[in-house]
Amino acid sequence: MRLVGTFARLGMLTLLGILLATIMDPAMWVGADTGSITTFDFASAVLNDWAFTLVVLGTLLAMAMAGAAYLVRDERETNLMWELTGGEEE
């Protein structure tokens, strides 16, 4: 298991390095407009160009919230019986 964890960490570090190298490459930003972006341009880019990415991200976040709610619920027998009987002890 430790070997798998180590490979996962190395893979994440490699991915982070590739992403940083790609983002920091000046050739990527040469054609970028140096003027400021307007709110309309930003909204248009997010809603038109990145629509599928937003849907996927929203789905992942919803699944994460559902998973977090599942993990924090209390499953002790005392609490389950309390919920079933409405708080009345027999």
PDB file of N, CA and C in Angstrom:
ATOM      1  N   MET A   1       0.814  -1.198   0.000  1.00  0.00           N
ATOM      2  CA  MET A   1       0.000   0.000   0.000  1.00  0.00           C
ATOM      3  C   MET A   1       0.858   1.263   0.000  1.00  0.00           C
ATOM      4  N   ARG A   2       1.990   1.174   0.708  1.00  0.00           N
ATOM      5  CA  ARG A   2       2.851   2.351   0.755  1.00  0.00           C
ATOM      6  C   ARG A   2       3.428   2.663  -0.621  1.00  0.00           C
ATOM      7  N   LEU A   3       3.680   1.612  -1.393  1.00  0.00           N
ATOM      8  CA  LEU A   3       4.233   1.805  -2.733  1.00  0.00           C
ATOM      9  C   LEU A   3       3.223   2.512  -3.627  1.00  0.00           C
ATOM     10  N   VAL A   4       1.971   2.123  -3.518  1.00  0.00           N
ATOM     11  CA  VAL A   4       0.921   2.767  -4.313  1.00  0.00           C
ATOM     12  C   VAL A   4       0.781   4.233  -3.910  1.00  0.00           C
ATOM     13  N   GLY A   5       0.818   4.504  -2.606  1.00  0.00           N
ATOM     14  CA  GLY A   5       0.745   5.882  -2.128  1.00  0.00           C
ATOM     15  C   GLY A   5       1.911   6.722  -2.613  1.00  0.00           C
ATOM     16  N   THR A   6       3.085   6.126  -2.616  1.00  0.00           N
ATOM     17  CA  THR A   6       4.264   6.843  -3.096  1.00  0.00           C
ATOM     18  C   THR A   6       4.149   7.147  -4.587  1.00  0.00           C
ATOM     19  N   PHE A   7       3.684   6.168  -5.363  1.00  0.00           N
ATOM     20  CA  PHE A   7       3.491   6.414  -6.796  1.00  0.00           C
ATOM     21  C   PHE A   7       2.424   7.480  -7.043  1.00  0.00           C
ATOM     22  N   ALA A   8       1.384   7.478  -6.239  1.00  0.00           N
ATOM     23  CA  ALA A   8       0.340   8.487  -6.392  1.00  0.00           C
ATOM     24  C   ALA A   8       0.894   9.879  -6.105  1.00  0.00           C
ATOM     25  N   ARG A   9       1.707   9.990  -5.063  1.00  0.00           N
ATOM     26  CA  ARG A   9       2.309  11.290  -4.734  1.00  0.00           C
ATOM     27  C   ARG A   9       3.252  11.755  -5.843  1.00  0.00           C
ATOM     28  N   LEU A  10       4.059  10.826  -6.346  1.00  0.00           N
ATOM     29  CA  LEU A  10       4.966  11.187  -7.435  1.00  0.00           C
ATOM     30  C   LEU A  10       4.206  11.581  -8.694  1.00  0.00           C
ATOM     31  N   GLY A  11       3.113  10.890  -8.976  1.00  0.00           N
ATOM     32  CA  GLY A  11       2.292  11.244 -10.127  1.00  0.00           C
ATOM     33  C   GLY A  11       1.678  12.627  -9.985  1.00  0.00           C
ATOM     34  N   MET A  12       1.200  12.947  -8.787  1.00  0.00           N
ATOM     35  CA  MET A  12       0.620  14.278  -8.566  1.00  0.00           C
ATOM     36  C   MET A  12       1.684  15.365  -8.688  1.00  0.00           C
ATOM     37  N   LEU A  13       2.875  15.116  -8.161  1.00  0.00           N
ATOM     38  CA  LEU A  13       3.955  16.093  -8.296  1.00  0.00           C
ATOM     39  C   LEU A  13       4.360  16.278  -9.756  1.00  0.00           C
ATOM     40  N   THR A  14       4.393  15.197 -10.502  1.00  0.00           N
ATOM     41  CA  THR A  14       4.710  15.286 -11.928  1.00  0.00           C
ATOM     42  C   THR A  14       3.648  16.080 -12.671  1.00  0.00           C
ATOM     43  N   LEU A  15       2.384  15.793 -12.384  1.00  0.00           N
ATOM     44  CA  LEU A  15       1.290  16.525 -13.021  1.00  0.00           C
ATOM     45  C   LEU A  15       1.343  18.008 -12.674  1.00  0.00           C
ATOM     46  N   LEU A  16       1.623  18.317 -11.414  1.00  0.00           N
ATOM     47  CA  LEU A  16       1.739  19.711 -11.003  1.00  0.00           C
ATOM     48  C   LEU A  16       2.893  20.400 -11.730  1.00  0.00           C
ATOM     49  N   GLY A  17       4.013  19.700 -11.865  1.00  0.00           N
ATOM     50  CA  GLY A  17       5.153  20.269 -12.583  1.00  0.00           C
ATOM     51  C   GLY A  17       4.840  20.536 -14.048  1.00  0.00           C
ATOM     52  N   ILE A  18       4.146  19.609 -14.696  1.00  0.00           N
ATOM     53  CA  ILE A  18       3.772  19.797 -16.100  1.00  0.00           C
ATOM     54  C   ILE A  18       2.810  20.969 -16.243  1.00  0.00           C
ATOM     55  N   LEU A  19       1.831  21.050 -15.349  1.00  0.00           N
ATOM     56  CA  LEU A  19       0.881  22.161 -15.420  1.00  0.00           C
ATOM     57  C   LEU A  19       1.564  23.500 -15.201  1.00  0.00           C
ATOM     58  N   LEU A  20       2.450  23.581 -14.210  1.00  0.00           N
ATOM     59  CA  LEU A  20       3.168  24.830 -13.963  1.00  0.00           C
ATOM     60  C   LEU A  20       4.064  25.204 -15.129  1.00  0.00           C
ATOM     61  N   ALA A  21       4.743  24.234 -15.706  1.00  0.00           N
ATOM     62  CA  ALA A  21       5.609  24.523 -16.852  1.00  0.00           C
ATOM     63  C   ALA A  21       4.795  25.020 -18.043  1.00  0.00           C
ATOM     64  N   THR A  22       3.617  24.437 -18.234  1.00  0.00           N
ATOM     65  CA  THR A  22       2.768  24.862 -19.347  1.00  0.00           C
ATOM     66  C   THR A  22       2.219  26.264 -19.120  1.00  0.00           C
ATOM     67  N   ILE A  23       1.768  26.525 -17.918  1.00  0.00           N
ATOM     68  CA  ILE A  23       1.182  27.839 -17.619  1.00  0.00           C
ATOM     69  C   ILE A  23       2.236  28.933 -17.643  1.00  0.00           C
ATOM     70  N   MET A  24       3.434  28.621 -17.180  1.00  0.00           N
ATOM     71  CA  MET A  24       4.477  29.641 -17.095  1.00  0.00           C
ATOM     72  C   MET A  24       5.224  29.848 -18.406  1.00  0.00           C
ATOM     73  N   ASP A  25       4.909  29.095 -19.437  1.00  0.00           N
ATOM     74  CA  ASP A  25       5.570  29.232 -20.725  1.00  0.00           C
ATOM     75  C   ASP A  25       5.164  30.561 -21.367  1.00  0.00           C
ATOM     76  N   PRO A  26       6.098  31.449 -21.639  1.00  0.00           N
ATOM     77  CA  PRO A  26       5.750  32.760 -22.209  1.00  0.00           C
ATOM     78  C   PRO A  26       5.114  32.662 -23.596  1.00  0.00           C
ATOM     79  N   ALA A  27       5.428  31.618 -24.342  1.00  0.00           N
ATOM     80  CA  ALA A  27       4.863  31.488 -25.683  1.00  0.00           C
ATOM     81  C   ALA A  27       3.351  31.304 -25.629  1.00  0.00           C
ATOM     82  N   MET A  28       2.868  30.782 -24.538  1.00  0.00           N
ATOM     83  CA  MET A  28       1.425  30.579 -24.392  1.00  0.00           C
ATOM     84  C   MET A  28       0.686  31.912 -24.277  1.00  0.00           C
ATOM     85  N   TRP A  29       1.340  32.913 -23.724  1.00  0.00           N
ATOM     86  CA  TRP A  29       0.680  34.190 -23.436  1.00  0.00           C
ATOM     87  C   TRP A  29       1.028  35.295 -24.426  1.00  0.00           C
ATOM     88  N   VAL A  30       1.806  34.986 -25.462  1.00  0.00           N
ATOM     89  CA  VAL A  30       2.234  36.027 -26.408  1.00  0.00           C
ATOM     90  C   VAL A  30       1.055  36.629 -27.146  1.00  0.00           C
ATOM     91  N   GLY A  31       0.115  35.808 -27.583  1.00  0.00           N
ATOM     92  CA  GLY A  31      -1.018  36.308 -28.345  1.00  0.00           C
ATOM     93  C   GLY A  31      -2.128  36.875 -27.484  1.00  0.00           C
ATOM     94  N   ALA A  32      -1.959  36.858 -26.170  1.00  0.00           N
ATOM     95  CA  ALA A  32      -3.017  37.337 -25.271  1.00  0.00           C
ATOM     96  C   ALA A  32      -3.121  38.854 -25.354  1.00  0.00           C
ATOM     97  N   ASP A  33      -4.332  39.334 -25.276  1.00  0.00           N
ATOM     98  CA  ASP A  33      -4.588  40.775 -25.279  1.00  0.00           C
ATOM     99  C   ASP A  33      -4.117  41.353 -23.948  1.00  0.00           C
ATOM    100  N   THR A  34      -3.336  42.420 -24.012  1.00  0.00           N
ATOM    101  CA  THR A  34      -2.807  43.006 -22.785  1.00  0.00           C
ATOM    102  C   THR A  34      -3.801  43.941 -22.126  1.00  0.00           C
ATOM    103  N   GLY A  35      -4.906  44.265 -22.793  1.00  0.00           N
ATOM    104  CA  GLY A  35      -5.912  45.134 -22.197  1.00  0.00           C
ATOM    105  C   GLY A  35      -6.697  44.408 -21.122  1.00  0.00           C
ATOM    106  N   SER A  36      -7.447  45.184 -20.345  1.00  0.00           N
ATOM    107  CA  SER A  36      -8.213  44.562 -19.267  1.00  0.00           C
ATOM    108  C   SER A  36      -9.464  43.898 -19.833  1.00  0.00           C
ATOM    109  N   ILE A  37      -9.882  42.853 -19.189  1.00  0.00           N
ATOM    110  CA  ILE A  37     -11.065  42.127 -19.604  1.00  0.00           C
ATOM    111  C   ILE A  37     -12.287  42.740 -18.926  1.00  0.00           C
ATOM    112  N   THR A  38     -13.363  42.827 -19.660  1.00  0.00           N
ATOM    113  CA  THR A  38     -14.589  43.388 -19.085  1.00  0.00           C
ATOM    114  C   THR A  38     -15.400  42.281 -18.428  1.00  0.00           C
ATOM    115  N   THR A  39     -16.364  42.675 -17.653  1.00  0.00           N
ATOM    116  CA  THR A  39     -17.224  41.706 -16.987  1.00  0.00           C
ATOM    117  C   THR A  39     -18.014  40.906 -18.005  1.00  0.00           C
ATOM    118  N   PHE A  40     -18.455  41.545 -19.071  1.00  0.00           N
ATOM    119  CA  PHE A  40     -19.201  40.850 -20.112  1.00  0.00           C
ATOM    120  C   PHE A  40     -18.332  39.810 -20.812  1.00  0.00           C
ATOM    121  N   ASP A  41     -17.080  40.160 -21.088  1.00  0.00           N
ATOM    122  CA  ASP A  41     -16.160  39.203 -21.713  1.00  0.00           C
ATOM    123  C   ASP A  41     -15.922  37.995 -20.817  1.00  0.00           C
ATOM    124  N   PHE A  42     -15.765  38.258 -19.528  1.00  0.00           N
ATOM    125  CA  PHE A  42     -15.555  37.160 -18.574  1.00  0.00           C
ATOM    126  C   PHE A  42     -16.781  36.253 -18.510  1.00  0.00           C
ATOM    127  N   ALA A  43     -17.967  36.841 -18.411  1.00  0.00           N
ATOM    128  CA  ALA A  43     -19.203  36.052 -18.342  1.00  0.00           C
ATOM    129  C   ALA A  43     -19.401  35.257 -19.628  1.00  0.00           C
ATOM    130  N   SER A  44     -19.115  35.872 -20.748  1.00  0.00           N
ATOM    131  CA  SER A  44     -19.249  35.182 -22.024  1.00  0.00           C
ATOM    132  C   SER A  44     -18.292  33.997 -22.111  1.00  0.00           C
ATOM    133  N   ALA A  45     -17.072  34.189 -21.668  1.00  0.00           N
ATOM    134  CA  ALA A  45     -16.093  33.097 -21.698  1.00  0.00           C
ATOM    135  C   ALA A  45     -16.505  31.963 -20.776  1.00  0.00           C
ATOM    136  N   VAL A  46     -16.987  32.290 -19.590  1.00  0.00           N
ATOM    137  CA  VAL A  46     -17.367  31.251 -18.629  1.00  0.00           C
ATOM    138  C   VAL A  46     -18.588  30.483 -19.112  1.00  0.00           C
ATOM    139  N   LEU A  47     -19.589  31.190 -19.604  1.00  0.00           N
ATOM    140  CA  LEU A  47     -20.844  30.539 -19.960  1.00  0.00           C
ATOM    141  C   LEU A  47     -20.826  29.899 -21.348  1.00  0.00           C
ATOM    142  N   ASN A  48     -19.993  30.372 -22.250  1.00  0.00           N
ATOM    143  CA  ASN A  48     -19.949  29.806 -23.598  1.00  0.00           C
ATOM    144  C   ASN A  48     -18.782  28.849 -23.793  1.00  0.00           C
ATOM    145  N   ASP A  49     -17.589  29.316 -23.499  1.00  0.00           N
ATOM    146  CA  ASP A  49     -16.394  28.520 -23.772  1.00  0.00           C
ATOM    147  C   ASP A  49     -16.170  27.425 -22.729  1.00  0.00           C
ATOM    148  N   TRP A  50     -16.575  27.680 -21.487  1.00  0.00           N
ATOM    149  CA  TRP A  50     -16.303  26.761 -20.395  1.00  0.00           C
ATOM    150  C   TRP A  50     -17.565  26.112 -19.843  1.00  0.00           C
ATOM    151  N   ALA A  51     -18.626  26.045 -20.605  1.00  0.00           N
ATOM    152  CA  ALA A  51     -19.907  25.534 -20.099  1.00  0.00           C
ATOM    153  C   ALA A  51     -19.802  24.071 -19.669  1.00  0.00           C
ATOM    154  N   PHE A  52     -19.220  23.224 -20.487  1.00  0.00           N
ATOM    155  CA  PHE A  52     -19.114  21.804 -20.148  1.00  0.00           C
ATOM    156  C   PHE A  52     -18.246  21.599 -18.909  1.00  0.00           C
ATOM    157  N   THR A  53     -17.163  22.367 -18.824  1.00  0.00           N
ATOM    158  CA  THR A  53     -16.282  22.273 -17.664  1.00  0.00           C
ATOM    159  C   THR A  53     -17.022  22.675 -16.396  1.00  0.00           C
ATOM    160  N   LEU A  54     -17.844  23.703 -16.475  1.00  0.00           N
ATOM    161  CA  LEU A  54     -18.623  24.125 -15.316  1.00  0.00           C
ATOM    162  C   LEU A  54     -19.615  23.051 -14.886  1.00  0.00           C
ATOM    163  N   VAL A  55     -20.240  22.385 -15.834  1.00  0.00           N
ATOM    164  CA  VAL A  55     -21.191  21.313 -15.505  1.00  0.00           C
ATOM    165  C   VAL A  55     -20.471  20.161 -14.818  1.00  0.00           C
ATOM    166  N   VAL A  56     -19.317  19.777 -15.349  1.00  0.00           N
ATOM    167  CA  VAL A  56     -18.553  18.688 -14.747  1.00  0.00           C
ATOM    168  C   VAL A  56     -18.087  19.077 -13.347  1.00  0.00           C
ATOM    169  N   LEU A  57     -17.585  20.281 -13.191  1.00  0.00           N
ATOM    170  CA  LEU A  57     -17.127  20.744 -11.888  1.00  0.00           C
ATOM    171  C   LEU A  57     -18.278  20.800 -10.886  1.00  0.00           C
ATOM    172  N   GLY A  58     -19.435  21.285 -11.314  1.00  0.00           N
ATOM    173  CA  GLY A  58     -20.595  21.325 -10.438  1.00  0.00           C
ATOM    174  C   GLY A  58     -21.035  19.941 -10.011  1.00  0.00           C
ATOM    175  N   THR A  59     -20.989  18.989 -10.935  1.00  0.00           N
ATOM    176  CA  THR A  59     -21.348  17.604 -10.603  1.00  0.00           C
ATOM    177  C   THR A  59     -20.376  17.017  -9.589  1.00  0.00           C
ATOM    178  N   LEU A  60     -19.091  17.254  -9.801  1.00  0.00           N
ATOM    179  CA  LEU A  60     -18.094  16.748  -8.858  1.00  0.00           C
ATOM    180  C   LEU A  60     -18.266  17.363  -7.475  1.00  0.00           C
ATOM    181  N   LEU A  61     -18.539  18.658  -7.424  1.00  0.00           N
ATOM    182  CA  LEU A  61     -18.738  19.300  -6.131  1.00  0.00           C
ATOM    183  C   LEU A  61     -19.996  18.799  -5.438  1.00  0.00           C
ATOM    184  N   ALA A  62     -21.064  18.550  -6.195  1.00  0.00           N
ATOM    185  CA  ALA A  62     -22.291  18.009  -5.609  1.00  0.00           C
ATOM    186  C   ALA A  62     -22.046  16.612  -5.059  1.00  0.00           C
ATOM    187  N   MET A  63     -21.286  15.796  -5.791  1.00  0.00           N
ATOM    188  CA  MET A  63     -20.969  14.458  -5.307  1.00  0.00           C
ATOM    189  C   MET A  63     -20.106  14.527  -4.054  1.00  0.00           C
ATOM    190  N   ALA A  64     -19.194  15.481  -4.002  1.00  0.00           N
ATOM    191  CA  ALA A  64     -18.351  15.635  -2.814  1.00  0.00           C
ATOM    192  C   ALA A  64     -19.181  16.049  -1.607  1.00  0.00           C
ATOM    193  N   MET A  65     -20.147  16.930  -1.807  1.00  0.00           N
ATOM    194  CA  MET A  65     -21.008  17.350  -0.693  1.00  0.00           C
ATOM    195  C   MET A  65     -21.874  16.198  -0.210  1.00  0.00           C
ATOM    196  N   ALA A  66     -22.399  15.400  -1.124  1.00  0.00           N
ATOM    197  CA  ALA A  66     -23.204  14.239  -0.730  1.00  0.00           C
ATOM    198  C   ALA A  66     -22.335  13.232   0.016  1.00  0.00           C
ATOM    199  N   GLY A  67     -21.114  13.017  -0.429  1.00  0.00           N
ATOM    200  CA  GLY A  67     -20.201  12.116   0.260  1.00  0.00           C
ATOM    201  C   GLY A  67     -19.832  12.623   1.646  1.00  0.00           C
ATOM    202  N   ALA A  68     -19.630  13.917   1.778  1.00  0.00           N
ATOM    203  CA  ALA A  68     -19.311  14.485   3.088  1.00  0.00           C
ATOM    204  C   ALA A  68     -20.496  14.338   4.037  1.00  0.00           C
ATOM    205  N   ALA A  69     -21.702  14.553   3.533  1.00  0.00           N
ATOM    206  CA  ALA A  69     -22.887  14.386   4.375  1.00  0.00           C
ATOM    207  C   ALA A  69     -23.042  12.933   4.807  1.00  0.00           C
ATOM    208  N   TYR A  70     -22.712  11.999   3.939  1.00  0.00           N
ATOM    209  CA  TYR A  70     -22.792  10.583   4.274  1.00  0.00           C
ATOM    210  C   TYR A  70     -21.756  10.217   5.335  1.00  0.00           C
ATOM    211  N   LEU A  71     -20.556  10.794   5.229  1.00  0.00           N
ATOM    212  CA  LEU A  71     -19.489  10.443   6.160  1.00  0.00           C
ATOM    213  C   LEU A  71     -19.705  11.010   7.560  1.00  0.00           C
ATOM    214  N   VAL A  72     -20.390  12.131   7.690  1.00  0.00           N
ATOM    215  CA  VAL A  72     -20.547  12.736   9.012  1.00  0.00           C
ATOM    216  C   VAL A  72     -21.785  12.246   9.745  1.00  0.00           C
ATOM    217  N   ARG A  73     -22.619  11.457   9.113  1.00  0.00           N
ATOM    218  CA  ARG A  73     -23.811  10.995   9.808  1.00  0.00           C
ATOM    219  C   ARG A  73     -23.427  10.017  10.911  1.00  0.00           C
ATOM    220  N   ASP A  74     -24.261   9.978  11.919  1.00  0.00           N
ATOM    221  CA  ASP A  74     -23.975   9.178  13.101  1.00  0.00           C
ATOM    222  C   ASP A  74     -24.774   7.885  13.034  1.00  0.00           C
ATOM    223  N   GLU A  75     -24.090   6.749  13.065  1.00  0.00           N
ATOM    224  CA  GLU A  75     -24.763   5.466  12.907  1.00  0.00           C
ATOM    225  C   GLU A  75     -24.721   4.605  14.167  1.00  0.00           C
ATOM    226  N   ARG A  76     -24.495   5.207  15.305  1.00  0.00           N
ATOM    227  CA  ARG A  76     -24.503   4.398  16.521  1.00  0.00           C
ATOM    228  C   ARG A  76     -25.910   3.883  16.790  1.00  0.00           C
ATOM    229  N   GLU A  77     -26.000   2.711  17.364  1.00  0.00           N
ATOM    230  CA  GLU A  77     -27.299   2.068  17.569  1.00  0.00           C
ATOM    231  C   GLU A  77     -28.213   2.922  18.444  1.00  0.00           C
ATOM    232  N   THR A  78     -27.650   3.590  19.435  1.00  0.00           N
ATOM    233  CA  THR A  78     -28.455   4.433  20.314  1.00  0.00           C
ATOM    234  C   THR A  78     -29.137   5.547  19.523  1.00  0.00           C
ATOM    235  N   ASN A  79     -28.395   6.179  18.651  1.00  0.00           N
ATOM    236  CA  ASN A  79     -28.968   7.275  17.867  1.00  0.00           C
ATOM    237  C   ASN A  79     -29.962   6.769  16.831  1.00  0.00           C
ATOM    238  N   LEU A  80     -29.689   5.601  16.246  1.00  0.00           N
ATOM    239  CA  LEU A  80     -30.635   5.041  15.285  1.00  0.00           C
ATOM    240  C   LEU A  80     -31.950   4.677  15.971  1.00  0.00           C
ATOM    241  N   MET A  81     -31.875   4.092  17.151  1.00  0.00           N
ATOM    242  CA  MET A  81     -33.093   3.751  17.889  1.00  0.00           C
ATOM    243  C   MET A  81     -33.839   5.006  18.318  1.00  0.00           C
ATOM    244  N   TRP A  82     -33.117   6.047  18.665  1.00  0.00           N
ATOM    245  CA  TRP A  82     -33.739   7.319  19.046  1.00  0.00           C
ATOM    246  C   TRP A  82     -34.551   7.881  17.889  1.00  0.00           C
ATOM    247  N   GLU A  83     -33.996   7.790  16.684  1.00  0.00           N
ATOM    248  CA  GLU A  83     -34.714   8.279  15.508  1.00  0.00           C
ATOM    249  C   GLU A  83     -35.921   7.415  15.187  1.00  0.00           C
ATOM    250  N   LEU A  84     -35.805   6.099  15.346  1.00  0.00           N
ATOM    251  CA  LEU A  84     -36.915   5.187  15.023  1.00  0.00           C
ATOM    252  C   LEU A  84     -38.071   5.305  16.010  1.00  0.00           C
ATOM    253  N   THR A  85     -37.764   5.469  17.281  1.00  0.00           N
ATOM    254  CA  THR A  85     -38.814   5.493  18.291  1.00  0.00           C
ATOM    255  C   THR A  85     -39.300   6.896  18.592  1.00  0.00           C
ATOM    256  N   GLY A  86     -38.696   7.893  18.013  1.00  0.00           N
ATOM    257  CA  GLY A  86     -39.135   9.272  18.243  1.00  0.00           C
ATOM    258  C   GLY A  86     -38.666   9.794  19.593  1.00  0.00           C
ATOM    259  N   GLY A  87     -37.635   9.216  20.160  1.00  0.00           N
ATOM    260  CA  GLY A  87     -37.082   9.697  21.411  1.00  0.00           C
ATOM    261  C   GLY A  87     -37.652   9.000  22.633  1.00  0.00           C
ATOM    262  N   GLU A  88     -38.553   8.082  22.451  1.00  0.00           N
ATOM    263  CA  GLU A  88     -39.151   7.380  23.585  1.00  0.00           C
ATOM    264  C   GLU A  88     -38.336   6.131  23.908  1.00  0.00           C
ATOM    265  N   GLU A  89     -38.028   5.960  25.175  1.00  0.00           N
ATOM    266  CA  GLU A  89     -37.299   4.767  25.595  1.00  0.00           C
ATOM    267  C   GLU A  89     -38.294   3.719  26.090  1.00  0.00           C
ATOM    268  N   GLU A  90     -37.979   2.481  25.831  1.00  0.00           N
ATOM    269  CA  GLU A  90     -38.889   1.411  26.241  1.00  0.00           C
ATOM    270  C   GLU A  90     -38.469   0.797  27.531  1.00  0.00           C
TER     271      GLU A  90
END
